[in-house]
Amino acid sequence: YFGVPYYYCDRTTLELDWNGIKQKIAQLLVPLRQPPSVIPSVEERERQEANVRKSKLALIDLCRMEATKFLVHGDFELSIPGAVQALRYSLDVYGAGKIELVPCYLL
């Protein structure tokens, strides 16, 4: 998936993850998974951190919308990958024990 390694226990799990959310977010994950470049100034570093945070918030929204869409349509197995990704990035952005995590847990 666009230069980022993923490991699955079987083909079915891979297909559920790909069809559930990864096909929509794979290109968005590449810049988030790469190590940050060395930036000489504090302002540039802060700008990069703000861009990463904004990207993670957009990913959270997209993943939650996709998971909800699959739930509404009765495709419960396809909703899980999006819910897991939304939870993962919500934990990154907000931290553990925050109220903003509740929608992800409810999915």
PDB file of N, CA and C in Angstrom:
ATOM      1  N   TYR A   1       0.827  -1.188   0.000  1.00  0.00           N
ATOM      2  CA  TYR A   1       0.000   0.000   0.000  1.00  0.00           C
ATOM      3  C   TYR A   1       0.866   1.243   0.000  1.00  0.00           C
ATOM      4  N   PHE A   2       1.312   1.638  -1.121  1.00  0.00           N
ATOM      5  CA  PHE A   2       2.007   2.903  -1.302  1.00  0.00           C
ATOM      6  C   PHE A   2       3.253   3.020  -0.435  1.00  0.00           C
ATOM      7  N   GLY A   3       4.058   1.957  -0.386  1.00  0.00           N
ATOM      8  CA  GLY A   3       5.331   2.022   0.306  1.00  0.00           C
ATOM      9  C   GLY A   3       5.280   1.822   1.804  1.00  0.00           C
ATOM     10  N   VAL A   4       4.118   1.546   2.368  1.00  0.00           N
ATOM     11  CA  VAL A   4       3.997   1.322   3.802  1.00  0.00           C
ATOM     12  C   VAL A   4       3.693  -0.156   4.019  1.00  0.00           C
ATOM     13  N   PRO A   5       4.546  -0.887   4.763  1.00  0.00           N
ATOM     14  CA  PRO A   5       4.297  -2.318   4.933  1.00  0.00           C
ATOM     15  C   PRO A   5       3.153  -2.593   5.912  1.00  0.00           C
ATOM     16  N   TYR A   6       2.344  -3.579   5.580  1.00  0.00           N
ATOM     17  CA  TYR A   6       1.264  -4.052   6.441  1.00  0.00           C
ATOM     18  C   TYR A   6       1.353  -5.564   6.489  1.00  0.00           C
ATOM     19  N   TYR A   7       0.948  -6.144   7.606  1.00  0.00           N
ATOM     20  CA  TYR A   7       1.008  -7.585   7.770  1.00  0.00           C
ATOM     21  C   TYR A   7      -0.353  -8.087   8.228  1.00  0.00           C
ATOM     22  N   TYR A   8      -0.850  -9.118   7.575  1.00  0.00           N
ATOM     23  CA  TYR A   8      -2.164  -9.676   7.869  1.00  0.00           C
ATOM     24  C   TYR A   8      -2.045 -11.169   8.104  1.00  0.00           C
ATOM     25  N   CYS A   9      -2.983 -11.706   8.892  1.00  0.00           N
ATOM     26  CA  CYS A   9      -2.928 -13.139   9.187  1.00  0.00           C
ATOM     27  C   CYS A   9      -3.448 -13.978   8.027  1.00  0.00           C
ATOM     28  N   ASP A  10      -4.324 -13.421   7.192  1.00  0.00           N
ATOM     29  CA  ASP A  10      -4.814 -14.162   6.026  1.00  0.00           C
ATOM     30  C   ASP A  10      -5.367 -13.192   4.985  1.00  0.00           C
ATOM     31  N   ARG A  11      -5.704 -13.732   3.847  1.00  0.00           N
ATOM     32  CA  ARG A  11      -6.184 -12.923   2.714  1.00  0.00           C
ATOM     33  C   ARG A  11      -7.519 -12.246   3.030  1.00  0.00           C
ATOM     34  N   THR A  12      -8.392 -12.915   3.761  1.00  0.00           N
ATOM     35  CA  THR A  12      -9.709 -12.355   4.101  1.00  0.00           C
ATOM     36  C   THR A  12      -9.564 -11.083   4.927  1.00  0.00           C
ATOM     37  N   THR A  13      -8.669 -11.104   5.897  1.00  0.00           N
ATOM     38  CA  THR A  13      -8.438  -9.926   6.734  1.00  0.00           C
ATOM     39  C   THR A  13      -7.898  -8.770   5.897  1.00  0.00           C
ATOM     40  N   LEU A  14      -6.991  -9.082   4.989  1.00  0.00           N
ATOM     41  CA  LEU A  14      -6.456  -8.064   4.090  1.00  0.00           C
ATOM     42  C   LEU A  14      -7.573  -7.432   3.261  1.00  0.00           C
ATOM     43  N   GLU A  15      -8.444  -8.262   2.689  1.00  0.00           N
ATOM     44  CA  GLU A  15      -9.528  -7.752   1.850  1.00  0.00           C
ATOM     45  C   GLU A  15     -10.527  -6.929   2.656  1.00  0.00           C
ATOM     46  N   LEU A  16     -10.832  -7.350   3.881  1.00  0.00           N
ATOM     47  CA  LEU A  16     -11.733  -6.560   4.724  1.00  0.00           C
ATOM     48  C   LEU A  16     -11.136  -5.194   5.026  1.00  0.00           C
ATOM     49  N   ASP A  17      -9.845  -5.168   5.354  1.00  0.00           N
ATOM     50  CA  ASP A  17      -9.187  -3.906   5.659  1.00  0.00           C
ATOM     51  C   ASP A  17      -9.131  -3.008   4.429  1.00  0.00           C
ATOM     52  N   TRP A  18      -8.770  -3.586   3.279  1.00  0.00           N
ATOM     53  CA  TRP A  18      -8.675  -2.794   2.057  1.00  0.00           C
ATOM     54  C   TRP A  18     -10.032  -2.247   1.643  1.00  0.00           C
ATOM     55  N   ASN A  19     -11.057  -3.104   1.622  1.00  0.00           N
ATOM     56  CA  ASN A  19     -12.390  -2.675   1.203  1.00  0.00           C
ATOM     57  C   ASN A  19     -13.078  -1.825   2.260  1.00  0.00           C
ATOM     58  N   GLY A  20     -12.700  -1.998   3.520  1.00  0.00           N
ATOM     59  CA  GLY A  20     -13.318  -1.239   4.593  1.00  0.00           C
ATOM     60  C   GLY A  20     -12.861   0.205   4.638  1.00  0.00           C
ATOM     61  N   ILE A  21     -11.524   0.425   4.567  1.00  0.00           N
ATOM     62  CA  ILE A  21     -11.056   1.813   4.695  1.00  0.00           C
ATOM     63  C   ILE A  21      -9.738   2.086   3.973  1.00  0.00           C
ATOM     64  N   LYS A  22      -8.837   1.132   3.890  1.00  0.00           N
ATOM     65  CA  LYS A  22      -7.487   1.405   3.396  1.00  0.00           C
ATOM     66  C   LYS A  22      -7.447   1.926   1.973  1.00  0.00           C
ATOM     67  N   GLN A  23      -8.361   1.480   1.109  1.00  0.00           N
ATOM     68  CA  GLN A  23      -8.325   1.981  -0.264  1.00  0.00           C
ATOM     69  C   GLN A  23      -8.587   3.479  -0.313  1.00  0.00           C
ATOM     70  N   LYS A  24      -9.301   3.998   0.671  1.00  0.00           N
ATOM     71  CA  LYS A  24      -9.600   5.429   0.693  1.00  0.00           C
ATOM     72  C   LYS A  24      -8.538   6.250   1.401  1.00  0.00           C
ATOM     73  N   ILE A  25      -7.806   5.639   2.332  1.00  0.00           N
ATOM     74  CA  ILE A  25      -6.858   6.427   3.118  1.00  0.00           C
ATOM     75  C   ILE A  25      -5.400   6.077   2.861  1.00  0.00           C
ATOM     76  N   ALA A  26      -5.125   5.099   2.021  1.00  0.00           N
ATOM     77  CA  ALA A  26      -3.744   4.633   1.826  1.00  0.00           C
ATOM     78  C   ALA A  26      -2.797   5.767   1.440  1.00  0.00           C
ATOM     79  N   GLN A  27      -3.196   6.602   0.504  1.00  0.00           N
ATOM     80  CA  GLN A  27      -2.311   7.698   0.085  1.00  0.00           C
ATOM     81  C   GLN A  27      -2.165   8.752   1.175  1.00  0.00           C
ATOM     82  N   LEU A  28      -3.175   8.904   2.014  1.00  0.00           N
ATOM     83  CA  LEU A  28      -3.102   9.882   3.100  1.00  0.00           C
ATOM     84  C   LEU A  28      -2.188   9.415   4.228  1.00  0.00           C
ATOM     85  N   LEU A  29      -1.993   8.098   4.346  1.00  0.00           N
ATOM     86  CA  LEU A  29      -1.177   7.554   5.424  1.00  0.00           C
ATOM     87  C   LEU A  29       0.318   7.690   5.177  1.00  0.00           C
ATOM     88  N   VAL A  30       0.720   7.730   3.927  1.00  0.00           N
ATOM     89  CA  VAL A  30       2.148   7.742   3.609  1.00  0.00           C
ATOM     90  C   VAL A  30       2.874   8.902   4.293  1.00  0.00           C
ATOM     91  N   PRO A  31       2.425  10.154   4.171  1.00  0.00           N
ATOM     92  CA  PRO A  31       3.174  11.226   4.837  1.00  0.00           C
ATOM     93  C   PRO A  31       3.126  11.129   6.360  1.00  0.00           C
ATOM     94  N   LEU A  32       2.078  10.529   6.910  1.00  0.00           N
ATOM     95  CA  LEU A  32       1.980  10.411   8.366  1.00  0.00           C
ATOM     96  C   LEU A  32       2.890   9.323   8.917  1.00  0.00           C
ATOM     97  N   ARG A  33       3.168   8.321   8.114  1.00  0.00           N
ATOM     98  CA  ARG A  33       3.984   7.198   8.571  1.00  0.00           C
ATOM     99  C   ARG A  33       5.477   7.417   8.337  1.00  0.00           C
ATOM    100  N   GLN A  34       5.838   8.400   7.550  1.00  0.00           N
ATOM    101  CA  GLN A  34       7.252   8.659   7.294  1.00  0.00           C
ATOM    102  C   GLN A  34       7.832   9.453   8.458  1.00  0.00           C
ATOM    103  N   PRO A  35       9.093   9.229   8.774  1.00  0.00           N
ATOM    104  CA  PRO A  35       9.711  10.011   9.850  1.00  0.00           C
ATOM    105  C   PRO A  35       9.768  11.489   9.463  1.00  0.00           C
ATOM    106  N   PRO A  36       9.575  12.360  10.423  1.00  0.00           N
ATOM    107  CA  PRO A  36       9.615  13.794  10.100  1.00  0.00           C
ATOM    108  C   PRO A  36      11.005  14.219   9.638  1.00  0.00           C
ATOM    109  N   SER A  37      10.996  15.118   8.689  1.00  0.00           N
ATOM    110  CA  SER A  37      12.273  15.621   8.194  1.00  0.00           C
ATOM    111  C   SER A  37      12.852  16.614   9.193  1.00  0.00           C
ATOM    112  N   VAL A  38      14.135  16.826   9.103  1.00  0.00           N
ATOM    113  CA  VAL A  38      14.803  17.775   9.988  1.00  0.00           C
ATOM    114  C   VAL A  38      14.496  19.178   9.488  1.00  0.00           C
ATOM    115  N   ILE A  39      13.889  19.961  10.353  1.00  0.00           N
ATOM    116  CA  ILE A  39      13.510  21.321   9.986  1.00  0.00           C
ATOM    117  C   ILE A  39      14.282  22.276  10.889  1.00  0.00           C
ATOM    118  N   PRO A  40      14.993  23.208  10.301  1.00  0.00           N
ATOM    119  CA  PRO A  40      15.894  24.046  11.093  1.00  0.00           C
ATOM    120  C   PRO A  40      15.209  25.039  12.041  1.00  0.00           C
ATOM    121  N   SER A  41      14.077  25.583  11.675  1.00  0.00           N
ATOM    122  CA  SER A  41      13.509  26.635  12.515  1.00  0.00           C
ATOM    123  C   SER A  41      12.318  26.123  13.325  1.00  0.00           C
ATOM    124  N   VAL A  42      12.070  26.765  14.430  1.00  0.00           N
ATOM    125  CA  VAL A  42      10.962  26.416  15.316  1.00  0.00           C
ATOM    126  C   VAL A  42       9.627  26.657  14.613  1.00  0.00           C
ATOM    127  N   GLU A  43       9.535  27.747  13.869  1.00  0.00           N
ATOM    128  CA  GLU A  43       8.289  28.071  13.168  1.00  0.00           C
ATOM    129  C   GLU A  43       7.933  26.996  12.147  1.00  0.00           C
ATOM    130  N   GLU A  44       8.930  26.540  11.397  1.00  0.00           N
ATOM    131  CA  GLU A  44       8.681  25.503  10.396  1.00  0.00           C
ATOM    132  C   GLU A  44       8.286  24.190  11.058  1.00  0.00           C
ATOM    133  N   ARG A  45       8.915  23.871  12.186  1.00  0.00           N
ATOM    134  CA  ARG A  45       8.574  22.661  12.928  1.00  0.00           C
ATOM    135  C   ARG A  45       7.136  22.731  13.437  1.00  0.00           C
ATOM    136  N   GLU A  46       6.750  23.874  13.976  1.00  0.00           N
ATOM    137  CA  GLU A  46       5.386  24.054  14.463  1.00  0.00           C
ATOM    138  C   GLU A  46       4.376  23.983  13.318  1.00  0.00           C
ATOM    139  N   ARG A  47       4.725  24.531  12.183  1.00  0.00           N
ATOM    140  CA  ARG A  47       3.854  24.475  11.010  1.00  0.00           C
ATOM    141  C   ARG A  47       3.667  23.026  10.556  1.00  0.00           C
ATOM    142  N   GLN A  48       4.762  22.263  10.539  1.00  0.00           N
ATOM    143  CA  GLN A  48       4.682  20.855  10.153  1.00  0.00           C
ATOM    144  C   GLN A  48       3.826  20.064  11.145  1.00  0.00           C
ATOM    145  N   GLU A  49       3.993  20.312  12.431  1.00  0.00           N
ATOM    146  CA  GLU A  49       3.188  19.626  13.450  1.00  0.00           C
ATOM    147  C   GLU A  49       1.713  19.975  13.302  1.00  0.00           C
ATOM    148  N   ALA A  50       1.416  21.231  12.985  1.00  0.00           N
ATOM    149  CA  ALA A  50       0.021  21.640  12.782  1.00  0.00           C
ATOM    150  C   ALA A  50      -0.571  20.950  11.559  1.00  0.00           C
ATOM    151  N   ASN A  51       0.225  20.811  10.489  1.00  0.00           N
ATOM    152  CA  ASN A  51      -0.249  20.118   9.289  1.00  0.00           C
ATOM    153  C   ASN A  51      -0.502  18.642   9.563  1.00  0.00           C
ATOM    154  N   VAL A  52       0.366  18.015  10.337  1.00  0.00           N
ATOM    155  CA  VAL A  52       0.176  16.603  10.684  1.00  0.00           C
ATOM    156  C   VAL A  52      -1.088  16.437  11.523  1.00  0.00           C
ATOM    157  N   ARG A  53      -1.291  17.320  12.476  1.00  0.00           N
ATOM    158  CA  ARG A  53      -2.494  17.257  13.314  1.00  0.00           C
ATOM    159  C   ARG A  53      -3.756  17.436  12.463  1.00  0.00           C
ATOM    160  N   LYS A  54      -3.715  18.393  11.546  1.00  0.00           N
ATOM    161  CA  LYS A  54      -4.857  18.627  10.661  1.00  0.00           C
ATOM    162  C   LYS A  54      -5.140  17.395   9.799  1.00  0.00           C
ATOM    163  N   SER A  55      -4.087  16.759   9.306  1.00  0.00           N
ATOM    164  CA  SER A  55      -4.245  15.546   8.502  1.00  0.00           C
ATOM    165  C   SER A  55      -4.857  14.418   9.327  1.00  0.00           C
ATOM    166  N   LYS A  56      -4.406  14.274  10.559  1.00  0.00           N
ATOM    167  CA  LYS A  56      -4.950  13.229  11.434  1.00  0.00           C
ATOM    168  C   LYS A  56      -6.426  13.494  11.749  1.00  0.00           C
ATOM    169  N   LEU A  57      -6.790  14.748  11.971  1.00  0.00           N
ATOM    170  CA  LEU A  57      -8.200  15.071  12.225  1.00  0.00           C
ATOM    171  C   LEU A  57      -9.069  14.765  11.011  1.00  0.00           C
ATOM    172  N   ALA A  58      -8.552  15.060   9.819  1.00  0.00           N
ATOM    173  CA  ALA A  58      -9.299  14.737   8.597  1.00  0.00           C
ATOM    174  C   ALA A  58      -9.439  13.222   8.438  1.00  0.00           C
ATOM    175  N   LEU A  59      -8.385  12.478   8.761  1.00  0.00           N
ATOM    176  CA  LEU A  59      -8.446  11.017   8.702  1.00  0.00           C
ATOM    177  C   LEU A  59      -9.471  10.469   9.695  1.00  0.00           C
ATOM    178  N   ILE A  60      -9.510  11.025  10.881  1.00  0.00           N
ATOM    179  CA  ILE A  60     -10.475  10.596  11.897  1.00  0.00           C
ATOM    180  C   ILE A  60     -11.889  10.772  11.367  1.00  0.00           C
ATOM    181  N   ASP A  61     -12.177  11.936  10.812  1.00  0.00           N
ATOM    182  CA  ASP A  61     -13.518  12.202  10.282  1.00  0.00           C
ATOM    183  C   ASP A  61     -13.874  11.247   9.148  1.00  0.00           C
ATOM    184  N   LEU A  62     -12.939  11.047   8.215  1.00  0.00           N
ATOM    185  CA  LEU A  62     -13.193  10.154   7.093  1.00  0.00           C
ATOM    186  C   LEU A  62     -13.429   8.722   7.565  1.00  0.00           C
ATOM    187  N   CYS A  63     -12.592   8.249   8.474  1.00  0.00           N
ATOM    188  CA  CYS A  63     -12.725   6.873   8.969  1.00  0.00           C
ATOM    189  C   CYS A  63     -14.035   6.683   9.730  1.00  0.00           C
ATOM    190  N   ARG A  64     -14.418   7.657  10.537  1.00  0.00           N
ATOM    191  CA  ARG A  64     -15.684   7.540  11.268  1.00  0.00           C
ATOM    192  C   ARG A  64     -16.873   7.559  10.313  1.00  0.00           C
ATOM    193  N   MET A  65     -16.818   8.398   9.295  1.00  0.00           N
ATOM    194  CA  MET A  65     -17.914   8.443   8.321  1.00  0.00           C
ATOM    195  C   MET A  65     -18.034   7.122   7.573  1.00  0.00           C
ATOM    196  N   GLU A  66     -16.905   6.557   7.156  1.00  0.00           N
ATOM    197  CA  GLU A  66     -16.928   5.284   6.431  1.00  0.00           C
ATOM    198  C   GLU A  66     -17.430   4.155   7.322  1.00  0.00           C
ATOM    199  N   ALA A  67     -16.974   4.111   8.562  1.00  0.00           N
ATOM    200  CA  ALA A  67     -17.423   3.062   9.482  1.00  0.00           C
ATOM    201  C   ALA A  67     -18.923   3.186   9.737  1.00  0.00           C
ATOM    202  N   THR A  68     -19.398   4.397   9.906  1.00  0.00           N
ATOM    203  CA  THR A  68     -20.833   4.622  10.126  1.00  0.00           C
ATOM    204  C   THR A  68     -21.623   4.226   8.898  1.00  0.00           C
ATOM    205  N   LYS A  69     -21.129   4.553   7.725  1.00  0.00           N
ATOM    206  CA  LYS A  69     -21.809   4.192   6.475  1.00  0.00           C
ATOM    207  C   LYS A  69     -21.976   2.672   6.372  1.00  0.00           C
ATOM    208  N   PHE A  70     -20.914   1.945   6.663  1.00  0.00           N
ATOM    209  CA  PHE A  70     -21.004   0.483   6.587  1.00  0.00           C
ATOM    210  C   PHE A  70     -21.955  -0.078   7.643  1.00  0.00           C
ATOM    211  N   LEU A  71     -21.970   0.523   8.826  1.00  0.00           N
ATOM    212  CA  LEU A  71     -22.908   0.072   9.860  1.00  0.00           C
ATOM    213  C   LEU A  71     -24.350   0.272   9.423  1.00  0.00           C
ATOM    214  N   VAL A  72     -24.646   1.426   8.851  1.00  0.00           N
ATOM    215  CA  VAL A  72     -26.003   1.733   8.397  1.00  0.00           C
ATOM    216  C   VAL A  72     -26.444   0.758   7.309  1.00  0.00           C
ATOM    217  N   HIS A  73     -25.504   0.369   6.452  1.00  0.00           N
ATOM    218  CA  HIS A  73     -25.823  -0.553   5.363  1.00  0.00           C
ATOM    219  C   HIS A  73     -25.806  -2.017   5.796  1.00  0.00           C
ATOM    220  N   GLY A  74     -25.463  -2.275   7.054  1.00  0.00           N
ATOM    221  CA  GLY A  74     -25.458  -3.639   7.559  1.00  0.00           C
ATOM    222  C   GLY A  74     -24.195  -4.422   7.254  1.00  0.00           C
ATOM    223  N   ASP A  75     -23.152  -3.758   6.763  1.00  0.00           N
ATOM    224  CA  ASP A  75     -21.864  -4.411   6.488  1.00  0.00           C
ATOM    225  C   ASP A  75     -20.967  -4.256   7.714  1.00  0.00           C
ATOM    226  N   PHE A  76     -21.285  -5.016   8.756  1.00  0.00           N
ATOM    227  CA  PHE A  76     -20.637  -4.828  10.049  1.00  0.00           C
ATOM    228  C   PHE A  76     -19.147  -5.138  10.021  1.00  0.00           C
ATOM    229  N   GLU A  77     -18.752  -6.172   9.284  1.00  0.00           N
ATOM    230  CA  GLU A  77     -17.334  -6.512   9.217  1.00  0.00           C
ATOM    231  C   GLU A  77     -16.520  -5.423   8.516  1.00  0.00           C
ATOM    232  N   LEU A  78     -17.113  -4.767   7.523  1.00  0.00           N
ATOM    233  CA  LEU A  78     -16.399  -3.702   6.817  1.00  0.00           C
ATOM    234  C   LEU A  78     -16.299  -2.423   7.640  1.00  0.00           C
ATOM    235  N   SER A  79     -17.129  -2.280   8.652  1.00  0.00           N
ATOM    236  CA  SER A  79     -17.075  -1.072   9.482  1.00  0.00           C
ATOM    237  C   SER A  79     -15.918  -1.116  10.480  1.00  0.00           C
ATOM    238  N   ILE A  80     -15.451  -2.304  10.816  1.00  0.00           N
ATOM    239  CA  ILE A  80     -14.415  -2.436  11.845  1.00  0.00           C
ATOM    240  C   ILE A  80     -13.098  -1.750  11.469  1.00  0.00           C
ATOM    241  N   PRO A  81     -12.559  -1.952  10.259  1.00  0.00           N
ATOM    242  CA  PRO A  81     -11.275  -1.292   9.942  1.00  0.00           C
ATOM    243  C   PRO A  81     -11.330   0.234  10.054  1.00  0.00           C
ATOM    244  N   GLY A  82     -12.417   0.845   9.614  1.00  0.00           N
ATOM    245  CA  GLY A  82     -12.534   2.297   9.726  1.00  0.00           C
ATOM    246  C   GLY A  82     -12.632   2.749  11.172  1.00  0.00           C
ATOM    247  N   ALA A  83     -13.372   2.002  11.980  1.00  0.00           N
ATOM    248  CA  ALA A  83     -13.505   2.343  13.401  1.00  0.00           C
ATOM    249  C   ALA A  83     -12.163   2.219  14.115  1.00  0.00           C
ATOM    250  N   VAL A  84     -11.400   1.189  13.775  1.00  0.00           N
ATOM    251  CA  VAL A  84     -10.087   0.991  14.404  1.00  0.00           C
ATOM    252  C   VAL A  84      -9.122   2.115  14.014  1.00  0.00           C
ATOM    253  N   GLN A  85      -9.129   2.498  12.747  1.00  0.00           N
ATOM    254  CA  GLN A  85      -8.260   3.599  12.318  1.00  0.00           C
ATOM    255  C   GLN A  85      -8.669   4.911  12.978  1.00  0.00           C
ATOM    256  N   ALA A  86      -9.975   5.155  13.074  1.00  0.00           N
ATOM    257  CA  ALA A  86     -10.448   6.378  13.733  1.00  0.00           C
ATOM    258  C   ALA A  86      -9.999   6.399  15.191  1.00  0.00           C
ATOM    259  N   LEU A  87     -10.103   5.259  15.865  1.00  0.00           N
ATOM    260  CA  LEU A  87      -9.672   5.183  17.264  1.00  0.00           C
ATOM    261  C   LEU A  87      -8.168   5.394  17.376  1.00  0.00           C
ATOM    262  N   ARG A  88      -7.416   4.782  16.486  1.00  0.00           N
ATOM    263  CA  ARG A  88      -5.959   4.905  16.529  1.00  0.00           C
ATOM    264  C   ARG A  88      -5.515   6.363  16.425  1.00  0.00           C
ATOM    265  N   TYR A  89      -6.056   7.078  15.447  1.00  0.00           N
ATOM    266  CA  TYR A  89      -5.640   8.467  15.264  1.00  0.00           C
ATOM    267  C   TYR A  89      -6.274   9.393  16.292  1.00  0.00           C
ATOM    268  N   SER A  90      -7.422   9.042  16.826  1.00  0.00           N
ATOM    269  CA  SER A  90      -8.012   9.824  17.919  1.00  0.00           C
ATOM    270  C   SER A  90      -7.144   9.728  19.168  1.00  0.00           C
ATOM    271  N   LEU A  91      -6.628   8.541  19.448  1.00  0.00           N
ATOM    272  CA  LEU A  91      -5.711   8.386  20.573  1.00  0.00           C
ATOM    273  C   LEU A  91      -4.449   9.214  20.363  1.00  0.00           C
ATOM    274  N   ASP A  92      -3.947   9.253  19.140  1.00  0.00           N
ATOM    275  CA  ASP A  92      -2.768  10.067  18.819  1.00  0.00           C
ATOM    276  C   ASP A  92      -3.028  11.549  19.050  1.00  0.00           C
ATOM    277  N   VAL A  93      -4.176  12.012  18.589  1.00  0.00           N
ATOM    278  CA  VAL A  93      -4.477  13.443  18.634  1.00  0.00           C
ATOM    279  C   VAL A  93      -4.909  13.895  20.022  1.00  0.00           C
ATOM    280  N   TYR A  94      -5.825  13.149  20.640  1.00  0.00           N
ATOM    281  CA  TYR A  94      -6.436  13.595  21.890  1.00  0.00           C
ATOM    282  C   TYR A  94      -5.822  12.976  23.144  1.00  0.00           C
ATOM    283  N   GLY A  95      -5.259  11.784  23.022  1.00  0.00           N
ATOM    284  CA  GLY A  95      -4.710  11.093  24.183  1.00  0.00           C
ATOM    285  C   GLY A  95      -5.753  10.172  24.810  1.00  0.00           C
ATOM    286  N   ALA A  96      -5.268   9.273  25.644  1.00  0.00           N
ATOM    287  CA  ALA A  96      -6.152   8.287  26.282  1.00  0.00           C
ATOM    288  C   ALA A  96      -7.056   8.953  27.317  1.00  0.00           C
ATOM    289  N   GLY A  97      -8.251   8.408  27.462  1.00  0.00           N
ATOM    290  CA  GLY A  97      -9.170   8.876  28.496  1.00  0.00           C
ATOM    291  C   GLY A  97      -9.902  10.166  28.171  1.00  0.00           C
ATOM    292  N   LYS A  98      -9.867  10.613  26.951  1.00  0.00           N
ATOM    293  CA  LYS A  98     -10.537  11.864  26.574  1.00  0.00           C
ATOM    294  C   LYS A  98     -11.927  11.591  26.024  1.00  0.00           C
ATOM    295  N   ILE A  99     -12.814  12.540  26.197  1.00  0.00           N
ATOM    296  CA  ILE A  99     -14.205  12.403  25.764  1.00  0.00           C
ATOM    297  C   ILE A  99     -14.313  12.276  24.243  1.00  0.00           C
ATOM    298  N   GLU A 100     -13.356  12.822  23.510  1.00  0.00           N
ATOM    299  CA  GLU A 100     -13.386  12.760  22.051  1.00  0.00           C
ATOM    300  C   GLU A 100     -13.242  11.327  21.519  1.00  0.00           C
ATOM    301  N   LEU A 101     -12.821  10.400  22.355  1.00  0.00           N
ATOM    302  CA  LEU A 101     -12.663   8.997  21.941  1.00  0.00           C
ATOM    303  C   LEU A 101     -13.991   8.239  21.933  1.00  0.00           C
ATOM    304  N   VAL A 102     -14.984   8.745  22.624  1.00  0.00           N
ATOM    305  CA  VAL A 102     -16.246   8.024  22.786  1.00  0.00           C
ATOM    306  C   VAL A 102     -16.891   7.630  21.451  1.00  0.00           C
ATOM    307  N   PRO A 103     -17.009   8.535  20.453  1.00  0.00           N
ATOM    308  CA  PRO A 103     -17.621   8.115  19.186  1.00  0.00           C
ATOM    309  C   PRO A 103     -16.897   6.940  18.528  1.00  0.00           C
ATOM    310  N   CYS A 104     -15.578   6.912  18.651  1.00  0.00           N
ATOM    311  CA  CYS A 104     -14.813   5.809  18.053  1.00  0.00           C
ATOM    312  C   CYS A 104     -15.092   4.497  18.773  1.00  0.00           C
ATOM    313  N   TYR A 105     -15.204   4.549  20.094  1.00  0.00           N
ATOM    314  CA  TYR A 105     -15.507   3.336  20.848  1.00  0.00           C
ATOM    315  C   TYR A 105     -16.914   2.848  20.557  1.00  0.00           C
ATOM    316  N   LEU A 106     -17.832   3.750  20.290  1.00  0.00           N
ATOM    317  CA  LEU A 106     -19.204   3.355  20.019  1.00  0.00           C
ATOM    318  C   LEU A 106     -19.366   2.701  18.642  1.00  0.00           C
ATOM    319  N   LEU A 107     -18.442   2.988  17.739  1.00  0.00           N
ATOM    320  CA  LEU A 107     -18.510   2.354  16.419  1.00  0.00           C
ATOM    321  C   LEU A 107     -18.164   0.898  16.571  1.00  0.00           C
TER     322      LEU A 107
END
